[in-house]
């Protein structure tokens, strides 16, 4: 069995230490962050499709939903 070795720029260690600071509140903070980010991609797609196609936003929202 081979061992996996990770050498990076310290990003993972920094993330781990930030989660440690949050302690018991870490699951709440992570879920809030994911909910916040989860809204962004569909919004960007609708915004770009409106610009690219020239259709009204309401038409694109009805078609994508």
Protein backbone atom coordinates (compact mmCIF):
# COMPACT_ATOMS: atom_id res chain seq x y z
CA UNK A 1 0.00 0.00 0.00
CA UNK A 2 1.45 3.36 -0.96
CA UNK A 3 1.23 6.49 1.10
CA UNK A 4 -0.19 9.73 -0.21
CA UNK A 5 1.95 12.77 0.38
CA UNK A 6 0.66 16.31 -0.02
CA UNK A 7 2.96 19.26 -0.30
CA UNK A 8 1.23 22.51 -1.00
CA UNK A 9 1.30 26.19 -0.40
CA UNK A 10 -0.23 25.95 3.07
CA UNK A 11 -3.78 26.67 1.93
CA UNK A 12 -5.14 23.45 3.38
CA UNK A 13 -3.40 24.07 6.71
CA UNK A 14 -4.76 27.62 6.80
CA UNK A 15 -8.27 26.35 6.10
CA UNK A 16 -7.96 23.75 8.84
CA UNK A 17 -6.81 26.34 11.36
CA UNK A 18 -9.71 28.63 10.43
CA UNK A 19 -12.15 25.76 10.96
CA UNK A 20 -10.52 25.05 14.31
CA UNK A 21 -11.09 28.67 15.36
CA UNK A 22 -14.78 28.33 14.50
CA UNK A 23 -15.02 25.19 16.61
CA UNK A 24 -18.61 24.05 17.08
CA UNK A 25 -19.85 26.82 14.79
CA UNK A 26 -17.94 25.42 11.79
CA UNK A 27 -20.90 23.43 10.34
CA UNK A 28 -23.13 26.50 10.51
CA UNK A 29 -20.52 28.71 8.86
CA UNK A 30 -19.88 26.17 6.10
CA UNK A 31 -23.58 25.75 5.32
CA UNK A 32 -24.06 29.53 5.19
CA UNK A 33 -21.09 29.91 2.87
CA UNK A 34 -22.35 27.18 0.54
CA UNK A 35 -25.84 28.66 0.47
CA UNK A 36 -24.41 32.07 -0.35
CA UNK A 37 -22.21 30.76 -3.18
CA UNK A 38 -24.90 28.41 -4.48
CA UNK A 39 -27.05 31.32 -5.64
CA UNK A 40 -24.37 32.96 -7.75
CA UNK A 41 -23.91 30.63 -10.77
CA UNK A 42 -27.57 30.55 -11.91
CA UNK A 43 -27.72 34.32 -11.51
CA UNK A 44 -24.64 34.76 -13.68
CA UNK A 45 -26.00 32.39 -16.33
CA UNK A 46 -29.30 34.25 -16.53
CA UNK A 47 -27.53 37.60 -16.65
CA UNK A 48 -25.21 36.50 -19.46
CA UNK A 49 -27.96 34.81 -21.47
CA UNK A 50 -30.01 38.00 -21.27
CA UNK A 51 -27.11 39.99 -22.71
CA UNK A 52 -26.21 37.41 -25.36
CA UNK A 53 -29.69 36.64 -26.66
CA UNK A 54 -31.43 39.97 -26.22
CA UNK A 55 -34.41 38.19 -24.65
CA UNK A 56 -36.12 39.59 -21.58
CA UNK A 57 -34.97 38.20 -18.26
CA UNK A 58 -38.41 36.79 -17.45
CA UNK A 59 -38.37 34.67 -20.63
CA UNK A 60 -35.00 33.16 -19.74
CA UNK A 61 -36.01 32.52 -16.12
CA UNK A 62 -39.17 30.69 -17.26
CA UNK A 63 -37.16 28.60 -19.72
CA UNK A 64 -34.42 27.68 -17.28
CA UNK A 65 -36.59 26.87 -14.29
